[in-house]
Amino acid sequence: MLNLKKDPVMVTKICLALIIGAFVFSFMPRVVAQTSSQTAADIIPGSENIPPISFSSFARNIAETTGLYAFITDVKEEHTPAGAPINVFGWQELLMIIVGFIIVYLGAAKGFEPLLLIPIGFGTIFVNVPFAGMGSGEGFLNIIYEAGVGNEFFPILIFMGIGAMTDFGPLIANPKTAILGAAAQFGVFGTLFGISFANFIPGVNFNLKEACSVAIIGGADGPTTIYIAAKLAPHLLATVAVAAYSYMALVPIIQPPIMKALTTKEERLIRMKQLRPVSKVEKVLFPMVVLVLALLLIPSAAPLIGCLMFGNFIRECGVVERLSKTLQNELMNIVSILLSLGVGSQMSPEKFLNPSSLIIILMGLVAFAIATATGICVAKIMNLFLKEKINPLIGSAGVSAVPMASRVSNKVGLEYDPGNFLLMHAMGPNVSGVIGTAIAAGVMIAVYGG
């Protein structure tokens, strides 16, 4: 039991509480009378246009601003990438959020290119949150998209980082593998003509600029896809960018069945001779030679190829180690996060839940499959004329997904011969595929860019 005589501090606190309570209760009737005869506008300056809110209306407003309510009842008018008006329902936003969580799951739990899929998945979730406005106006996702995704800024920075991370030694040591990188571009140009013929299908209507933006997906090069779409068909940028990055991430799933279907067991067991050592002089001269050729022959591809070679020269010259490490690590990581979030921010219902976008995604898959298949087939044809045979599995690495495609070639080869390491051999066509896709983009821009 509390002893008040021995606790004077507690006595003081109780007395103060009683005095304050008496003071409040003495003024309560006066405040109630005043608020009953005056409005909030009379009491609080600047609140003249604010209507009085009852408890019931307050509770109703709270309920109507919940995500659950929006998913059930929300309907708003948006525009498809082609500019056509479309109604977007709340359940469609919920569906896209679920897709975002699936993308995050594939990256985090299944290990499918987590550096790409995790930020893309979160971008998808964020942009579809009701009332948040993260993907429009002053929302941070819209700022990211406008600052670097909807133009050439982030793709150019990515190419600098790729150049700094890439060893062109395997390509220099075995130059004939560049043919495999070039062969993969059949997927790009083949799909370009295929999309043109697809215009005979009712409801399909792509012009040549749009067809170029879709066909480049076959190169499995996200930055190049964004770059060419921003130049030729900005209204399709969101769809083609997500498709390109999705197929880049799904290389380990899409390519192996095609590789196994087009090769025999004997071909998969082919062991290639160890690559010769490449001198430092060769590695330093290579980016400069490629840059000069690009400037002379395909200047429209110079922004991509030039920045790729700029990053590689910084890596190989050996006198700016700090810059090389920055391009490979800090800059590459920061830009990858921002670019992936920006790509994910475009995964909203009006951009994807429509027939045109589904056709683009389907044609992008066709382009990627053709690019994989032609690389393998050209390797098989080359073996008819070569004394030292090429394992056709490395032909699939002719797409630009570096180094994912090389890893897949190596993985499939090890399944049939645990001692057959194809990684370095596959890097030759893989890095040449990066250059090839950039050249293909430059050709398209030169012809149709106007």
Protein backbone atom coordinates (compact mmCIF):
# COMPACT_ATOMS: atom_id res chain seq x y z
CA MET A 1 0.00 0.00 0.00
CA LEU A 2 1.27 3.49 -0.94
CA ASN A 3 2.44 5.53 2.08
CA LEU A 4 1.83 9.20 1.18
CA LYS A 5 3.67 10.49 4.23
CA LYS A 6 6.88 8.80 3.11
CA ASP A 7 6.50 9.74 -0.58
CA PRO A 8 6.14 13.55 -0.89
CA VAL A 9 6.96 13.45 -4.64
CA MET A 10 3.96 11.25 -5.32
CA VAL A 11 1.76 13.56 -3.24
CA THR A 12 2.88 16.52 -5.36
CA LYS A 13 2.10 14.65 -8.64
CA ILE A 14 -1.39 13.71 -7.44
CA CYS A 15 -2.15 17.29 -6.42
CA LEU A 16 -1.02 18.66 -9.78
CA ALA A 17 -3.15 16.10 -11.62
CA LEU A 18 -6.23 17.10 -9.59
CA ILE A 19 -5.67 20.81 -10.27
CA ILE A 20 -5.24 20.25 -14.06
CA GLY A 21 -8.32 18.01 -14.14
CA ALA A 22 -10.43 20.60 -12.35
CA PHE A 23 -9.22 23.29 -14.74
CA VAL A 24 -10.12 21.23 -17.83
CA PHE A 25 -13.57 20.27 -16.58
CA SER A 26 -14.35 23.87 -15.63
CA PHE A 27 -13.80 24.98 -19.24
CA MET A 28 -15.41 21.96 -20.93
CA PRO A 29 -19.01 23.31 -20.99
CA ARG A 30 -17.79 26.62 -22.46
CA VAL A 31 -15.86 24.83 -25.28
CA VAL A 32 -18.81 22.56 -26.08
CA ALA A 33 -21.17 25.55 -26.24
CA GLN A 34 -18.79 27.47 -28.49
CA THR A 35 -18.22 24.58 -30.95
CA SER A 36 -21.96 23.91 -31.09
CA SER A 37 -22.71 27.50 -32.15
CA GLN A 38 -19.63 28.08 -34.37
CA THR A 39 -18.17 26.17 -37.29
CA ALA A 40 -14.54 25.09 -37.62
CA ALA A 41 -14.03 27.95 -40.06
CA ASP A 42 -14.96 30.45 -37.29
CA ILE A 43 -12.48 28.90 -34.84
CA ILE A 44 -9.50 27.96 -37.06
CA PRO A 45 -8.31 30.56 -39.59
CA GLY A 46 -7.74 29.16 -43.08
CA SER A 47 -10.24 26.31 -42.77
CA GLU A 48 -13.12 28.10 -44.52
CA ASN A 49 -13.22 25.60 -47.41
CA ILE A 50 -12.88 22.47 -45.27
CA PRO A 51 -16.27 20.82 -44.69
CA PRO A 52 -17.06 19.47 -41.22
CA ILE A 53 -16.48 15.72 -40.90
CA SER A 54 -18.56 13.46 -38.77
CA PHE A 55 -17.29 10.22 -37.30
CA SER A 56 -19.30 8.17 -39.80
CA SER A 57 -17.94 10.05 -42.84
CA PHE A 58 -14.42 9.81 -41.42
CA ALA A 59 -14.76 6.05 -41.03
CA ARG A 60 -16.23 5.76 -44.54
CA ASN A 61 -13.35 7.76 -46.05
CA ILE A 62 -10.83 5.55 -44.31
CA ALA A 63 -12.54 2.41 -45.65
CA GLU A 64 -12.73 3.76 -49.21
CA THR A 65 -9.00 4.53 -49.30
CA THR A 66 -7.87 1.01 -48.43
CA GLY A 67 -6.24 -1.20 -51.02
CA LEU A 68 -8.85 -3.90 -50.47
CA TYR A 69 -11.67 -1.51 -51.40
CA ALA A 70 -9.77 -0.31 -54.48
CA PHE A 71 -9.11 -3.83 -55.73
CA ILE A 72 -12.84 -4.59 -55.53
CA THR A 73 -14.46 -1.39 -56.80
CA ASP A 74 -11.83 0.77 -58.57
CA VAL A 75 -12.30 1.56 -62.28
CA LYS A 76 -10.21 4.16 -64.11
CA GLU A 77 -9.51 5.07 -67.70
CA GLU A 78 -5.95 4.65 -68.97
CA HIS A 79 -4.35 4.36 -72.41
CA THR A 80 -2.62 1.39 -74.02
CA PRO A 81 0.91 1.81 -75.46
CA ALA A 82 -0.75 2.51 -78.83
CA GLY A 83 -2.80 5.33 -77.28
CA ALA A 84 -6.18 3.62 -77.25
CA PRO A 85 -8.37 4.29 -74.18
CA ILE A 86 -8.95 1.33 -71.89
CA ASN A 87 -10.67 0.75 -68.55
CA VAL A 88 -8.42 -0.59 -65.82
CA PHE A 89 -10.15 -2.40 -62.96
CA GLY A 90 -8.88 -2.85 -59.45
CA TRP A 91 -8.67 -6.62 -59.78
CA GLN A 92 -6.27 -6.15 -62.71
CA GLU A 93 -3.93 -4.13 -60.52
CA LEU A 94 -4.13 -6.89 -57.92
CA LEU A 95 -3.28 -9.42 -60.63
CA MET A 96 -0.18 -7.43 -61.61
CA ILE A 97 0.88 -7.22 -57.95
CA ILE A 98 0.64 -11.01 -57.75
CA VAL A 99 2.79 -11.21 -60.90
CA GLY A 100 5.30 -8.94 -59.17
CA PHE A 101 5.49 -11.25 -56.16
CA ILE A 102 5.98 -14.23 -58.49
CA ILE A 103 8.87 -12.41 -60.19
CA VAL A 104 10.46 -11.69 -56.81
CA TYR A 105 9.99 -15.35 -55.86
CA LEU A 106 11.69 -16.54 -59.05
CA GLY A 107 14.64 -14.25 -58.38
CA ALA A 108 15.01 -14.75 -54.62
CA ALA A 109 13.96 -18.39 -54.15
CA LYS A 110 14.79 -19.97 -57.51
CA GLY A 111 17.88 -17.90 -58.31
CA PHE A 112 16.74 -16.82 -61.80
CA GLU A 113 18.93 -13.75 -62.33
CA PRO A 114 18.09 -12.18 -58.94
CA LEU A 115 19.98 -8.96 -59.76
CA LEU A 116 17.37 -8.31 -62.45
CA LEU A 117 14.21 -10.00 -61.27
CA ILE A 118 14.10 -8.81 -57.66
CA PRO A 119 14.08 -5.06 -58.47
CA ILE A 120 11.80 -5.63 -61.50
CA GLY A 121 9.38 -7.52 -59.26
CA PHE A 122 9.35 -4.80 -56.61
CA GLY A 123 8.89 -2.15 -59.29
CA THR A 124 5.85 -4.10 -60.52
CA ILE A 125 4.41 -4.26 -57.02
CA PHE A 126 5.04 -0.59 -56.27
CA VAL A 127 3.50 0.79 -59.46
CA ASN A 128 0.25 -1.12 -58.95
CA VAL A 129 -0.36 -0.07 -55.33
CA PRO A 130 -3.67 1.88 -55.31
CA PHE A 131 -3.55 5.59 -54.37
CA ALA A 132 0.26 5.52 -53.92
CA GLY A 133 1.04 7.19 -57.26
CA MET A 134 4.60 5.89 -57.36
CA GLY A 135 4.52 5.42 -61.13
CA SER A 136 3.01 8.74 -62.17
CA GLY A 137 3.53 12.47 -61.67
CA GLU A 138 6.15 13.10 -59.00
CA GLY A 139 6.27 9.47 -57.91
CA PHE A 140 9.81 8.17 -57.54
CA LEU A 141 9.32 5.36 -60.07
CA ASN A 142 8.13 7.83 -62.70
CA ILE A 143 11.12 10.05 -61.94
CA ILE A 144 13.46 7.07 -62.42
CA TYR A 145 11.76 6.14 -65.69
CA GLU A 146 11.82 9.64 -67.12
CA ALA A 147 15.40 10.28 -65.98
CA GLY A 148 17.09 7.27 -67.53
CA VAL A 149 14.87 4.45 -68.79
CA GLY A 150 12.78 6.37 -71.30
CA ASN A 151 15.93 7.66 -73.01
CA GLU A 152 19.43 6.38 -73.72
CA PHE A 153 21.05 7.41 -70.41
CA PHE A 154 20.82 4.22 -68.32
CA PRO A 155 21.48 1.87 -71.30
CA ILE A 156 24.65 3.80 -72.14
CA LEU A 157 25.89 3.59 -68.54
CA ILE A 158 25.10 -0.13 -68.48
CA PHE A 159 27.17 -0.62 -71.63
CA MET A 160 30.12 1.12 -69.97
CA GLY A 161 29.83 -1.28 -67.05
CA ILE A 162 29.48 -4.31 -69.32
CA GLY A 163 32.62 -3.24 -71.18
CA ALA A 164 34.55 -2.91 -67.93
CA MET A 165 33.39 -6.37 -66.83
CA THR A 166 34.01 -8.14 -70.16
CA ASP A 167 37.12 -10.06 -71.12
CA PHE A 168 37.32 -10.17 -74.92
CA GLY A 169 40.24 -12.58 -74.67
CA PRO A 170 38.24 -15.68 -75.72
CA LEU A 171 36.99 -13.87 -78.83
CA ILE A 172 40.50 -12.62 -79.71
CA ALA A 173 41.95 -16.11 -79.17
CA ASN A 174 39.32 -17.78 -81.37
CA PRO A 175 38.00 -15.15 -83.82
CA LYS A 176 35.87 -17.61 -85.79
CA THR A 177 33.43 -17.78 -82.86
CA ALA A 178 32.41 -14.25 -83.86
CA ILE A 179 30.47 -15.93 -86.68
CA LEU A 180 28.24 -17.52 -84.05
CA GLY A 181 27.53 -14.14 -82.49
CA ALA A 182 26.62 -12.82 -85.94
CA ALA A 183 24.46 -15.87 -86.62
CA ALA A 184 22.31 -15.10 -83.60
CA GLN A 185 21.27 -11.86 -85.29
CA PHE A 186 19.22 -13.96 -87.70
CA GLY A 187 16.74 -14.10 -84.85
CA VAL A 188 16.52 -10.31 -84.88
CA PHE A 189 16.19 -9.79 -88.62
CA GLY A 190 14.14 -12.93 -89.18
CA THR A 191 11.60 -11.77 -86.65
CA LEU A 192 11.60 -8.32 -88.23
CA PHE A 193 10.30 -9.82 -91.47
CA GLY A 194 7.99 -12.16 -89.55
CA ILE A 195 6.34 -9.26 -87.75
CA SER A 196 5.90 -7.49 -91.08
CA PHE A 197 4.07 -10.52 -92.49
CA ALA A 198 2.06 -10.79 -89.25
CA ASN A 199 0.27 -7.59 -90.26
CA PHE A 200 -1.89 -9.77 -92.50
CA ILE A 201 -3.45 -11.21 -89.32
CA PRO A 202 -6.63 -9.32 -88.38
CA GLY A 203 -6.04 -7.02 -85.43
CA VAL A 204 -2.23 -6.94 -85.87
CA ASN A 205 -0.79 -3.68 -87.14
CA PHE A 206 2.92 -2.92 -86.66
CA ASN A 207 4.88 -0.43 -88.73
CA LEU A 208 8.56 -1.06 -89.47
CA LYS A 209 9.82 1.06 -86.58
CA GLU A 210 7.66 -0.88 -84.14
CA ALA A 211 8.75 -4.14 -85.76
CA CYS A 212 12.41 -3.20 -85.22
CA SER A 213 11.76 -2.49 -81.55
CA VAL A 214 10.12 -5.89 -81.09
CA ALA A 215 12.62 -7.88 -83.18
CA ILE A 216 15.64 -6.63 -81.21
CA ILE A 217 14.30 -8.61 -78.23
CA GLY A 218 15.79 -11.65 -79.97
CA GLY A 219 19.23 -10.43 -79.00
CA ALA A 220 18.32 -10.85 -75.31
CA ASP A 221 19.95 -7.51 -74.60
CA GLY A 222 17.86 -5.30 -72.34
CA PRO A 223 19.88 -2.07 -72.63
CA THR A 224 19.99 -2.30 -76.45
CA THR A 225 16.25 -2.99 -76.56
CA ILE A 226 15.55 0.10 -74.45
CA TYR A 227 17.92 2.15 -76.57
CA ILE A 228 16.36 1.29 -79.93
CA ALA A 229 12.78 1.50 -78.64
CA ALA A 230 13.43 4.98 -77.27
CA LYS A 231 14.71 5.97 -80.73
CA LEU A 232 12.10 4.30 -82.95
CA ALA A 233 8.96 3.46 -80.96
CA PRO A 234 8.84 5.14 -77.52
CA HIS A 235 5.22 4.09 -76.97
CA LEU A 236 6.34 0.43 -77.01
CA LEU A 237 9.34 0.92 -74.76
CA ALA A 238 7.68 -0.40 -71.63
CA THR A 239 6.46 -3.63 -73.20
CA VAL A 240 9.61 -4.50 -75.16
CA ALA A 241 11.88 -3.62 -72.23
CA VAL A 242 10.07 -5.93 -69.83
CA ALA A 243 9.98 -8.69 -72.47
CA ALA A 244 13.72 -8.36 -73.14
CA TYR A 245 14.68 -8.42 -69.47
CA SER A 246 12.29 -11.29 -68.80
CA TYR A 247 13.86 -13.42 -71.52
CA MET A 248 17.35 -12.48 -70.32
CA ALA A 249 16.40 -13.78 -66.89
CA LEU A 250 14.75 -16.91 -68.33
CA VAL A 251 17.74 -17.95 -70.48
CA PRO A 252 18.38 -21.02 -68.23
CA ILE A 253 14.81 -22.20 -68.89
CA ILE A 254 14.30 -21.29 -72.56
CA GLN A 255 17.61 -22.30 -74.12
CA PRO A 256 18.36 -25.86 -72.87
CA PRO A 257 15.36 -27.54 -74.59
CA ILE A 258 16.30 -25.86 -77.90
CA MET A 259 19.95 -26.84 -77.48
CA LYS A 260 19.13 -30.47 -76.78
CA ALA A 261 16.61 -30.68 -79.61
CA LEU A 262 19.08 -29.43 -82.23
CA THR A 263 22.20 -31.38 -81.20
CA THR A 264 23.10 -35.04 -80.96
CA LYS A 265 24.77 -36.65 -77.95
CA GLU A 266 28.00 -37.01 -79.93
CA GLU A 267 28.00 -33.28 -80.71
CA ARG A 268 27.44 -32.36 -77.08
CA LEU A 269 30.47 -34.46 -76.12
CA ILE A 270 32.86 -32.59 -78.42
CA ARG A 271 35.83 -31.26 -76.46
CA MET A 272 37.41 -28.07 -77.71
CA LYS A 273 41.12 -27.30 -77.56
CA GLN A 274 42.30 -24.94 -74.81
CA LEU A 275 42.41 -21.32 -75.96
CA ARG A 276 45.79 -19.70 -76.58
CA PRO A 277 47.00 -16.98 -74.20
CA VAL A 278 46.11 -13.46 -75.33
CA SER A 279 48.69 -10.72 -74.83
CA LYS A 280 47.97 -7.45 -73.06
CA VAL A 281 48.75 -5.52 -76.25
CA GLU A 282 46.02 -7.42 -78.10
CA LYS A 283 43.51 -6.72 -75.35
CA VAL A 284 44.33 -3.02 -75.29
CA LEU A 285 44.21 -2.63 -79.07
CA PHE A 286 40.98 -4.58 -79.53
CA PRO A 287 38.54 -1.94 -78.15
CA MET A 288 40.27 0.81 -80.10
CA VAL A 289 40.08 -1.14 -83.38
CA VAL A 290 36.40 -1.97 -82.87
CA LEU A 291 35.63 1.66 -82.00
CA VAL A 292 37.36 2.93 -85.15
CA LEU A 293 35.45 0.41 -87.31
CA ALA A 294 32.18 1.49 -85.72
CA LEU A 295 32.94 5.16 -86.35
CA LEU A 296 33.81 4.49 -89.99
CA LEU A 297 31.16 1.95 -90.92
CA ILE A 298 28.16 2.22 -88.54
CA PRO A 299 28.23 5.58 -86.76
CA SER A 300 24.63 5.15 -85.63
CA ALA A 301 25.82 2.25 -83.45
CA ALA A 302 28.72 4.28 -82.03
CA PRO A 303 26.93 5.31 -78.80
CA LEU A 304 26.46 1.67 -77.76
CA ILE A 305 29.64 0.16 -79.20
CA GLY A 306 31.70 3.22 -78.25
CA CYS A 307 30.67 3.12 -74.60
CA LEU A 308 31.15 -0.66 -74.53
CA MET A 309 34.69 -0.24 -75.82
CA PHE A 310 35.33 2.75 -73.56
CA GLY A 311 34.56 0.60 -70.53
CA ASN A 312 36.69 -2.25 -71.86
CA PHE A 313 39.66 0.04 -72.59
CA ILE A 314 39.51 1.36 -69.02
CA ARG A 315 39.64 -2.26 -67.85
CA GLU A 316 42.53 -3.34 -70.07
CA CYS A 317 44.82 -0.28 -70.13
CA GLY A 318 45.67 -0.80 -66.45
CA VAL A 319 46.32 2.84 -65.51
CA VAL A 320 42.87 3.79 -64.16
CA GLU A 321 42.11 0.92 -61.82
CA ARG A 322 39.82 3.05 -59.67
CA LEU A 323 37.64 3.96 -62.65
CA SER A 324 37.53 0.33 -63.76
CA LYS A 325 36.41 -0.86 -60.33
CA THR A 326 33.79 1.90 -60.16
CA LEU A 327 32.32 0.92 -63.52
CA GLN A 328 32.32 -2.76 -62.61
CA ASN A 329 30.87 -2.38 -59.13
CA GLU A 330 29.36 0.82 -57.72
CA LEU A 331 28.11 2.40 -60.96
CA MET A 332 26.95 -0.88 -62.47
CA ASN A 333 25.06 -1.88 -59.32
CA ILE A 334 23.38 1.50 -58.87
CA VAL A 335 22.32 1.79 -62.51
CA SER A 336 21.12 -1.84 -62.57
CA ILE A 337 18.88 -1.19 -59.57
CA LEU A 338 17.43 1.99 -61.07
CA LEU A 339 17.03 0.50 -64.54
CA SER A 340 15.31 -2.63 -63.23
CA LEU A 341 12.98 -0.63 -60.99
CA GLY A 342 12.17 1.60 -63.95
CA VAL A 343 11.40 -1.40 -66.13
CA GLY A 344 9.20 -2.92 -63.44
CA SER A 345 7.36 0.39 -63.07
CA GLN A 346 5.97 -0.10 -66.56
CA MET A 347 4.24 -3.37 -65.70
CA SER A 348 0.79 -1.89 -65.24
CA PRO A 349 -2.47 -3.43 -66.53
CA GLU A 350 -3.05 -1.01 -69.39
CA LYS A 351 0.41 -1.80 -70.80
CA PHE A 352 0.23 -5.58 -70.52
CA LEU A 353 -3.31 -6.84 -70.31
CA ASN A 354 -4.13 -6.11 -73.94
CA PRO A 355 -3.75 -8.10 -77.21
CA SER A 356 -0.99 -5.92 -78.71
CA SER A 357 1.31 -6.38 -75.72
CA LEU A 358 0.71 -10.12 -75.65
CA ILE A 359 1.64 -10.32 -79.35
CA ILE A 360 4.84 -8.36 -78.65
CA ILE A 361 5.81 -10.71 -75.82
CA LEU A 362 5.06 -13.75 -78.00
CA MET A 363 7.03 -12.39 -80.98
CA GLY A 364 9.91 -11.53 -78.65
CA LEU A 365 10.00 -15.15 -77.49
CA VAL A 366 10.02 -16.28 -81.14
CA ALA A 367 12.92 -13.92 -81.87
CA PHE A 368 14.90 -15.23 -78.92
CA ALA A 369 14.25 -18.87 -79.89
CA ILE A 370 15.33 -18.23 -83.49
CA ALA A 371 18.51 -16.48 -82.33
CA THR A 372 19.39 -19.46 -80.12
CA ALA A 373 18.62 -21.99 -82.85
CA THR A 374 20.53 -20.23 -85.63
CA GLY A 375 23.66 -19.98 -83.51
CA ILE A 376 23.58 -23.75 -82.93
CA CYS A 377 22.82 -24.55 -86.58
CA VAL A 378 25.62 -22.33 -87.88
CA ALA A 379 28.06 -24.06 -85.50
CA LYS A 380 26.99 -27.42 -86.97
CA ILE A 381 27.53 -26.08 -90.49
CA MET A 382 30.98 -24.74 -89.57
CA ASN A 383 31.95 -28.21 -88.33
CA LEU A 384 31.54 -29.50 -91.88
CA PHE A 385 34.58 -27.43 -92.89
CA LEU A 386 36.70 -27.35 -89.73
CA LYS A 387 39.35 -29.84 -88.70
CA GLU A 388 39.06 -28.82 -85.06
CA LYS A 389 35.37 -29.18 -84.36
CA ILE A 390 33.27 -26.67 -82.41
CA ASN A 391 30.86 -27.92 -79.78
CA PRO A 392 27.51 -26.67 -81.16
CA LEU A 393 26.29 -25.95 -77.64
CA ILE A 394 28.37 -22.75 -77.61
CA GLY A 395 26.37 -21.51 -80.61
CA SER A 396 23.44 -20.76 -78.31
CA ALA A 397 25.67 -18.25 -76.49
CA GLY A 398 25.59 -15.97 -79.53
CA VAL A 399 22.80 -13.99 -77.91
CA SER A 400 23.78 -10.94 -75.88
CA ALA A 401 22.86 -12.23 -72.43
CA VAL A 402 26.35 -12.03 -70.89
CA PRO A 403 27.39 -14.20 -69.12
CA MET A 404 24.12 -16.08 -68.59
CA ALA A 405 24.11 -17.70 -72.03
CA SER A 406 27.73 -18.85 -71.60
CA ARG A 407 26.90 -20.40 -68.26
CA VAL A 408 23.96 -22.26 -69.79
CA SER A 409 26.17 -23.66 -72.59
CA ASN A 410 28.69 -24.79 -69.99
CA LYS A 411 26.00 -26.29 -67.75
CA VAL A 412 24.41 -28.35 -70.54
CA GLY A 413 27.84 -29.55 -71.66
CA LEU A 414 28.73 -30.68 -68.13
CA GLU A 415 25.50 -32.69 -67.94
CA TYR A 416 26.86 -35.02 -70.64
CA ASP A 417 30.57 -34.81 -69.82
CA PRO A 418 31.51 -33.58 -66.32
CA GLY A 419 35.02 -32.80 -67.52
CA ASN A 420 34.02 -30.74 -70.57
CA PHE A 421 34.24 -27.09 -69.55
CA LEU A 422 32.80 -24.88 -72.29
CA LEU A 423 32.52 -21.61 -70.39
CA MET A 424 35.53 -19.81 -71.87
CA HIS A 425 34.79 -21.12 -75.36
CA ALA A 426 31.19 -19.90 -75.07
CA MET A 427 32.32 -16.44 -74.01
CA GLY A 428 33.66 -15.86 -77.53
CA PRO A 429 30.27 -15.94 -79.28
CA ASN A 430 28.66 -14.40 -76.21
CA VAL A 431 30.67 -11.18 -76.25
CA SER A 432 30.54 -11.04 -80.04
CA GLY A 433 26.76 -11.29 -79.70
CA VAL A 434 26.81 -8.09 -77.63
CA ILE A 435 28.67 -6.32 -80.42
CA GLY A 436 26.43 -7.92 -83.05
CA THR A 437 23.20 -6.81 -81.40
CA ALA A 438 24.55 -3.27 -81.02
CA ILE A 439 25.43 -3.29 -84.73
CA ALA A 440 21.96 -4.60 -85.60
CA ALA A 441 20.43 -1.78 -83.56
CA GLY A 442 22.65 0.73 -85.31
CA VAL A 443 21.59 -0.56 -88.73
CA MET A 444 17.92 -0.30 -87.80
CA ILE A 445 18.33 3.23 -86.48
CA ALA A 446 20.31 4.25 -89.58
CA VAL A 447 17.64 2.87 -91.94
CA TYR A 448 14.46 3.79 -90.07
CA GLY A 449 15.53 6.44 -87.58
CA GLY A 450 15.01 9.27 -90.02
